N, C-alpha and C. Protein backbone atom coordinates (compact mmCIF):
# COMPACT_ATOMS: atom_id res chain seq x y z
N UNK A 1 81.37 15.99 20.67
CA UNK A 1 81.57 14.69 20.05
C UNK A 1 82.63 14.79 18.96
N UNK A 2 83.39 13.73 18.77
CA UNK A 2 84.43 13.75 17.74
C UNK A 2 83.84 13.67 16.34
N UNK A 3 84.67 14.06 15.37
CA UNK A 3 84.25 13.95 13.97
C UNK A 3 84.38 12.49 13.56
N UNK A 4 83.33 11.96 12.98
CA UNK A 4 83.37 10.58 12.52
C UNK A 4 82.99 10.52 11.04
N UNK A 5 83.42 9.44 10.40
CA UNK A 5 83.02 9.15 9.01
C UNK A 5 82.15 7.91 9.05
N UNK A 6 80.94 8.05 8.56
CA UNK A 6 79.98 6.94 8.61
C UNK A 6 79.46 6.63 7.22
N UNK A 7 79.18 5.36 6.99
CA UNK A 7 78.51 4.93 5.77
C UNK A 7 77.12 4.46 6.15
N UNK A 8 76.11 5.10 5.59
CA UNK A 8 74.71 4.77 5.85
C UNK A 8 74.17 4.05 4.61
N UNK A 9 73.72 2.81 4.80
CA UNK A 9 73.24 2.01 3.68
C UNK A 9 71.82 1.53 3.94
N UNK A 10 70.90 1.96 3.10
CA UNK A 10 69.50 1.54 3.18
C UNK A 10 68.89 1.78 1.82
N UNK A 11 68.05 0.87 1.34
CA UNK A 11 67.44 1.05 0.02
C UNK A 11 66.36 2.13 0.05
N UNK A 12 65.91 2.52 1.22
CA UNK A 12 64.91 3.59 1.35
C UNK A 12 65.61 4.93 1.57
N UNK A 13 65.42 5.85 0.62
CA UNK A 13 66.01 7.18 0.76
C UNK A 13 65.48 7.87 2.01
N UNK A 14 64.19 7.68 2.31
CA UNK A 14 63.61 8.27 3.51
C UNK A 14 64.32 7.76 4.76
N UNK A 15 64.56 6.46 4.83
CA UNK A 15 65.24 5.89 5.99
C UNK A 15 66.67 6.39 6.08
N UNK A 16 67.36 6.50 4.93
CA UNK A 16 68.72 7.05 4.94
C UNK A 16 68.71 8.47 5.49
N UNK A 17 67.72 9.26 5.06
CA UNK A 17 67.62 10.64 5.55
C UNK A 17 67.37 10.68 7.06
N UNK A 18 66.51 9.80 7.56
CA UNK A 18 66.23 9.74 9.00
C UNK A 18 67.50 9.38 9.76
N UNK A 19 68.22 8.38 9.28
CA UNK A 19 69.46 7.96 9.94
C UNK A 19 70.49 9.08 9.89
N UNK A 20 70.63 9.74 8.74
CA UNK A 20 71.60 10.84 8.62
C UNK A 20 71.26 11.98 9.56
N UNK A 21 69.98 12.36 9.62
CA UNK A 21 69.56 13.44 10.53
C UNK A 21 69.85 13.07 11.98
N UNK A 22 69.54 11.83 12.34
CA UNK A 22 69.80 11.36 13.71
C UNK A 22 71.29 11.37 14.00
N UNK A 23 72.06 10.95 13.04
CA UNK A 23 73.52 10.91 13.19
C UNK A 23 74.08 12.32 13.37
N UNK A 24 73.63 13.25 12.54
CA UNK A 24 74.12 14.62 12.62
C UNK A 24 73.66 15.34 13.88
N UNK A 25 72.55 14.90 14.44
CA UNK A 25 72.08 15.49 15.70
C UNK A 25 73.09 15.23 16.82
N UNK A 26 73.66 14.06 16.84
CA UNK A 26 74.63 13.69 17.88
C UNK A 26 76.07 13.95 17.47
N UNK A 27 76.34 13.87 16.18
CA UNK A 27 77.70 14.05 15.66
C UNK A 27 77.65 15.10 14.54
N UNK A 28 77.51 16.39 14.90
CA UNK A 28 77.31 17.44 13.89
C UNK A 28 78.43 17.56 12.87
N UNK A 29 79.62 17.10 13.21
CA UNK A 29 80.76 17.19 12.30
C UNK A 29 80.91 15.94 11.44
N UNK A 30 79.98 15.02 11.54
CA UNK A 30 80.10 13.74 10.84
C UNK A 30 80.17 13.93 9.32
N UNK A 31 81.02 13.12 8.71
CA UNK A 31 81.08 13.03 7.26
C UNK A 31 80.34 11.75 6.90
N UNK A 32 79.31 11.87 6.07
CA UNK A 32 78.43 10.74 5.82
C UNK A 32 78.45 10.35 4.34
N UNK A 33 78.72 9.08 4.11
CA UNK A 33 78.59 8.49 2.78
C UNK A 33 77.28 7.71 2.81
N UNK A 34 76.64 7.58 1.66
CA UNK A 34 75.39 6.82 1.66
C UNK A 34 75.29 5.93 0.43
N UNK A 35 74.50 4.88 0.62
CA UNK A 35 74.31 3.90 -0.45
C UNK A 35 72.91 3.32 -0.37
N UNK A 36 72.36 2.97 -1.52
CA UNK A 36 71.04 2.37 -1.58
C UNK A 36 71.05 0.87 -1.84
N UNK A 37 72.27 0.30 -2.02
CA UNK A 37 72.35 -1.15 -2.23
C UNK A 37 73.71 -1.68 -1.78
N UNK A 38 73.75 -2.98 -1.58
CA UNK A 38 74.94 -3.62 -1.05
C UNK A 38 76.17 -3.54 -1.94
N UNK A 39 75.98 -3.62 -3.24
CA UNK A 39 77.12 -3.56 -4.16
C UNK A 39 77.81 -2.19 -4.07
N UNK A 40 77.02 -1.12 -3.95
CA UNK A 40 77.61 0.21 -3.80
C UNK A 40 78.34 0.35 -2.47
N UNK A 41 77.85 -0.32 -1.44
CA UNK A 41 78.55 -0.31 -0.15
C UNK A 41 79.97 -0.85 -0.35
N UNK A 42 80.08 -1.95 -1.07
CA UNK A 42 81.41 -2.52 -1.34
C UNK A 42 82.31 -1.51 -2.05
N UNK A 43 81.78 -0.86 -3.09
CA UNK A 43 82.58 0.11 -3.85
C UNK A 43 83.05 1.25 -2.96
N UNK A 44 82.15 1.76 -2.13
CA UNK A 44 82.51 2.87 -1.23
C UNK A 44 83.58 2.43 -0.24
N UNK A 45 83.40 1.25 0.36
CA UNK A 45 84.35 0.79 1.38
C UNK A 45 85.72 0.47 0.79
N UNK A 46 85.78 0.13 -0.48
CA UNK A 46 87.08 -0.12 -1.11
C UNK A 46 87.79 1.18 -1.49
N UNK A 47 87.03 2.27 -1.55
CA UNK A 47 87.59 3.55 -1.95
C UNK A 47 87.79 4.52 -0.77
N UNK A 48 86.86 4.53 0.17
CA UNK A 48 86.87 5.49 1.28
C UNK A 48 87.17 4.81 2.61
N UNK A 49 87.77 5.57 3.52
CA UNK A 49 88.00 5.07 4.88
C UNK A 49 86.89 5.62 5.76
N UNK A 50 86.12 4.73 6.37
CA UNK A 50 85.04 5.15 7.27
C UNK A 50 85.29 4.56 8.66
N UNK A 51 84.65 5.16 9.65
CA UNK A 51 84.78 4.70 11.03
C UNK A 51 83.74 3.66 11.40
N UNK A 52 82.59 3.72 10.71
CA UNK A 52 81.48 2.83 11.07
C UNK A 52 80.53 2.66 9.89
N UNK A 53 79.88 1.50 9.83
CA UNK A 53 78.86 1.22 8.82
C UNK A 53 77.53 1.02 9.53
N UNK A 54 76.50 1.71 9.05
CA UNK A 54 75.12 1.55 9.53
C UNK A 54 74.35 1.00 8.34
N UNK A 55 73.96 -0.26 8.41
CA UNK A 55 73.46 -0.95 7.22
C UNK A 55 72.12 -1.63 7.47
N UNK A 56 71.20 -1.43 6.55
CA UNK A 56 69.91 -2.10 6.58
C UNK A 56 70.09 -3.57 6.22
N UNK A 57 69.25 -4.40 6.79
CA UNK A 57 69.31 -5.85 6.52
C UNK A 57 68.87 -6.14 5.09
N UNK A 58 67.73 -5.58 4.69
CA UNK A 58 67.14 -5.90 3.38
C UNK A 58 67.45 -4.80 2.37
N UNK A 59 68.32 -5.14 1.42
CA UNK A 59 68.68 -4.22 0.36
C UNK A 59 68.79 -4.98 -0.95
N UNK A 60 68.63 -4.28 -2.07
CA UNK A 60 68.77 -4.95 -3.37
C UNK A 60 70.23 -5.27 -3.68
N UNK A 61 70.42 -6.22 -4.56
CA UNK A 61 71.71 -6.65 -5.08
C UNK A 61 72.57 -7.41 -4.09
N UNK A 62 72.52 -7.03 -2.83
CA UNK A 62 73.32 -7.70 -1.80
C UNK A 62 72.72 -7.32 -0.45
N UNK A 63 72.32 -8.31 0.33
CA UNK A 63 71.69 -8.02 1.62
C UNK A 63 72.69 -7.44 2.61
N UNK A 64 72.16 -6.82 3.66
CA UNK A 64 73.01 -6.31 4.72
C UNK A 64 73.85 -7.41 5.35
N UNK A 65 73.27 -8.59 5.49
CA UNK A 65 74.01 -9.72 6.05
C UNK A 65 75.17 -10.11 5.13
N UNK A 66 74.93 -10.13 3.82
CA UNK A 66 76.00 -10.45 2.88
C UNK A 66 77.09 -9.37 2.91
N UNK A 67 76.69 -8.12 3.05
CA UNK A 67 77.67 -7.03 3.17
C UNK A 67 78.51 -7.25 4.43
N UNK A 68 77.85 -7.56 5.54
CA UNK A 68 78.56 -7.82 6.80
C UNK A 68 79.58 -8.95 6.64
N UNK A 69 79.15 -10.05 6.03
CA UNK A 69 80.05 -11.19 5.83
C UNK A 69 81.24 -10.80 4.94
N UNK A 70 80.97 -9.99 3.91
CA UNK A 70 82.04 -9.52 3.04
C UNK A 70 83.02 -8.64 3.82
N UNK A 71 82.48 -7.71 4.62
CA UNK A 71 83.34 -6.83 5.42
C UNK A 71 84.22 -7.66 6.35
N UNK A 72 83.63 -8.63 7.02
CA UNK A 72 84.39 -9.44 7.99
C UNK A 72 85.44 -10.33 7.32
N UNK A 73 85.29 -10.58 6.02
CA UNK A 73 86.26 -11.42 5.31
C UNK A 73 87.27 -10.61 4.49
N UNK A 74 87.17 -9.28 4.56
CA UNK A 74 88.03 -8.42 3.76
C UNK A 74 89.13 -7.81 4.63
N UNK A 75 90.40 -8.10 4.29
CA UNK A 75 91.50 -7.49 5.05
C UNK A 75 91.37 -5.96 5.06
N UNK A 76 91.76 -5.35 6.13
CA UNK A 76 91.69 -3.89 6.35
C UNK A 76 90.27 -3.42 6.67
N UNK A 77 89.27 -4.25 6.51
CA UNK A 77 87.89 -3.88 6.86
C UNK A 77 87.33 -4.77 7.95
N UNK A 78 87.97 -5.91 8.21
CA UNK A 78 87.37 -6.94 9.05
C UNK A 78 87.12 -6.54 10.51
N UNK A 79 87.71 -5.43 10.97
CA UNK A 79 87.43 -4.97 12.33
C UNK A 79 86.56 -3.70 12.33
N UNK A 80 86.09 -3.30 11.17
CA UNK A 80 85.27 -2.10 11.05
C UNK A 80 83.96 -2.26 11.82
N UNK A 81 83.65 -1.31 12.73
CA UNK A 81 82.37 -1.40 13.43
C UNK A 81 81.20 -1.40 12.44
N UNK A 82 80.27 -2.31 12.65
CA UNK A 82 79.16 -2.54 11.71
C UNK A 82 77.88 -2.70 12.52
N UNK A 83 76.95 -1.76 12.33
CA UNK A 83 75.66 -1.83 13.02
C UNK A 83 74.59 -2.18 11.99
N UNK A 84 73.89 -3.28 12.25
CA UNK A 84 72.80 -3.71 11.37
C UNK A 84 71.52 -3.04 11.83
N UNK A 85 70.76 -2.52 10.87
CA UNK A 85 69.49 -1.87 11.15
C UNK A 85 68.41 -2.65 10.41
N UNK A 86 67.35 -3.02 11.11
CA UNK A 86 66.32 -3.84 10.48
C UNK A 86 64.94 -3.53 11.05
N UNK A 87 63.94 -3.88 10.29
CA UNK A 87 62.57 -3.72 10.74
C UNK A 87 62.01 -4.97 11.38
N UNK A 88 62.79 -6.03 11.40
CA UNK A 88 62.29 -7.30 11.95
C UNK A 88 62.87 -7.58 13.33
N UNK A 89 62.06 -8.21 14.16
CA UNK A 89 62.52 -8.61 15.49
C UNK A 89 62.78 -10.11 15.53
N UNK A 90 62.87 -10.72 14.37
CA UNK A 90 63.10 -12.16 14.26
C UNK A 90 64.40 -12.55 14.95
N UNK A 91 64.29 -13.41 15.94
CA UNK A 91 65.44 -13.85 16.72
C UNK A 91 66.52 -14.48 15.84
N UNK A 92 66.10 -15.20 14.80
CA UNK A 92 67.05 -15.85 13.90
C UNK A 92 67.94 -14.83 13.19
N UNK A 93 67.36 -13.66 12.83
CA UNK A 93 68.16 -12.61 12.21
C UNK A 93 69.25 -12.14 13.16
N UNK A 94 68.87 -11.90 14.40
CA UNK A 94 69.83 -11.42 15.40
C UNK A 94 70.96 -12.43 15.58
N UNK A 95 70.59 -13.69 15.74
CA UNK A 95 71.59 -14.76 15.93
C UNK A 95 72.52 -14.84 14.73
N UNK A 96 71.95 -14.77 13.53
CA UNK A 96 72.76 -14.85 12.31
C UNK A 96 73.74 -13.68 12.22
N UNK A 97 73.28 -12.49 12.60
CA UNK A 97 74.16 -11.32 12.59
C UNK A 97 75.29 -11.47 13.60
N UNK A 98 74.96 -11.94 14.79
CA UNK A 98 75.98 -12.12 15.83
C UNK A 98 77.02 -13.14 15.36
N UNK A 99 76.56 -14.24 14.79
CA UNK A 99 77.48 -15.27 14.28
C UNK A 99 78.37 -14.73 13.16
N UNK A 100 77.86 -13.75 12.43
CA UNK A 100 78.61 -13.17 11.31
C UNK A 100 79.51 -12.02 11.74
N UNK A 101 79.46 -11.64 13.01
CA UNK A 101 80.39 -10.63 13.52
C UNK A 101 79.87 -9.21 13.59
N UNK A 102 78.55 -9.04 13.66
CA UNK A 102 77.99 -7.69 13.77
C UNK A 102 78.44 -7.04 15.08
N UNK A 103 78.67 -5.74 15.04
CA UNK A 103 79.06 -5.00 16.24
C UNK A 103 77.85 -4.74 17.11
N UNK A 104 76.74 -4.35 16.48
CA UNK A 104 75.50 -4.10 17.21
C UNK A 104 74.33 -4.19 16.24
N UNK A 105 73.13 -4.08 16.77
CA UNK A 105 71.90 -4.36 16.03
C UNK A 105 70.84 -3.38 16.49
N UNK A 106 70.15 -2.73 15.56
CA UNK A 106 69.07 -1.79 15.90
C UNK A 106 67.81 -2.23 15.17
N UNK A 107 66.71 -2.31 15.91
CA UNK A 107 65.42 -2.62 15.31
C UNK A 107 64.67 -1.29 15.10
N UNK A 108 64.18 -1.08 13.86
CA UNK A 108 63.40 0.11 13.55
C UNK A 108 62.07 0.04 14.28
N UNK A 109 61.48 1.16 14.65
CA UNK A 109 61.97 2.52 14.43
C UNK A 109 63.10 2.86 15.41
N UNK A 110 64.04 3.65 14.92
CA UNK A 110 65.14 4.05 15.78
C UNK A 110 64.95 5.49 16.22
N UNK A 111 65.59 5.84 17.31
CA UNK A 111 65.55 7.22 17.81
C UNK A 111 66.97 7.78 17.72
N UNK A 112 67.10 9.11 17.67
CA UNK A 112 68.45 9.69 17.65
C UNK A 112 69.29 9.25 18.85
N UNK A 113 68.67 9.19 20.04
CA UNK A 113 69.41 8.76 21.23
C UNK A 113 69.90 7.32 21.10
N UNK A 114 69.02 6.45 20.60
CA UNK A 114 69.38 5.05 20.42
C UNK A 114 70.57 4.94 19.46
N UNK A 115 70.50 5.65 18.35
CA UNK A 115 71.56 5.61 17.36
C UNK A 115 72.87 6.14 17.95
N UNK A 116 72.80 7.27 18.65
CA UNK A 116 73.98 7.86 19.28
C UNK A 116 74.62 6.89 20.26
N UNK A 117 73.80 6.25 21.09
CA UNK A 117 74.32 5.31 22.08
C UNK A 117 75.00 4.12 21.41
N UNK A 118 74.38 3.57 20.37
CA UNK A 118 74.95 2.41 19.68
C UNK A 118 76.27 2.78 18.99
N UNK A 119 76.30 3.95 18.34
CA UNK A 119 77.52 4.39 17.66
C UNK A 119 78.61 4.67 18.68
N UNK A 120 78.27 5.38 19.74
CA UNK A 120 79.25 5.69 20.78
C UNK A 120 79.84 4.42 21.38
N UNK A 121 78.98 3.44 21.64
CA UNK A 121 79.44 2.16 22.18
C UNK A 121 80.36 1.45 21.18
N UNK A 122 79.95 1.43 19.92
CA UNK A 122 80.74 0.74 18.89
C UNK A 122 82.11 1.40 18.69
N UNK A 123 82.15 2.72 18.79
CA UNK A 123 83.40 3.45 18.58
C UNK A 123 84.12 3.75 19.89
N UNK A 124 83.54 3.27 21.00
CA UNK A 124 84.11 3.48 22.33
C UNK A 124 84.29 4.97 22.65
N UNK A 125 83.21 5.73 22.37
CA UNK A 125 83.15 7.16 22.65
C UNK A 125 82.22 7.35 23.83
N UNK A 126 82.56 8.24 24.74
CA UNK A 126 81.65 8.52 25.85
C UNK A 126 80.51 9.37 25.34
N UNK A 127 79.29 8.85 25.46
CA UNK A 127 78.10 9.55 24.94
C UNK A 127 77.70 10.68 25.86
């Protein structure tokens, strides 16, 4: 697998660790940035170049949906692959994410295979 740079954003450190471990299982060379809130996601994305964002829906200071909308409205970031991760299966959430330009959507609990497949699809990598 190619080396990728990913930003993992979730207010739960445990969930960030699970996502990072899953990511490294499929992409051992991955460079991973992490954030516990939406405002920090903005700061990281304005400073670092990443290949993909894996973002929780519910975070303090700025929701995952608000981060997605900000990314899609920011020049140089608006085509960045963005995968929303959430614990809810609420159809309205999915529809709202799609309307806002999400690349893909994962409902927790996630598996390493699921994450690898979604990332590979988003980055157009053969899994």
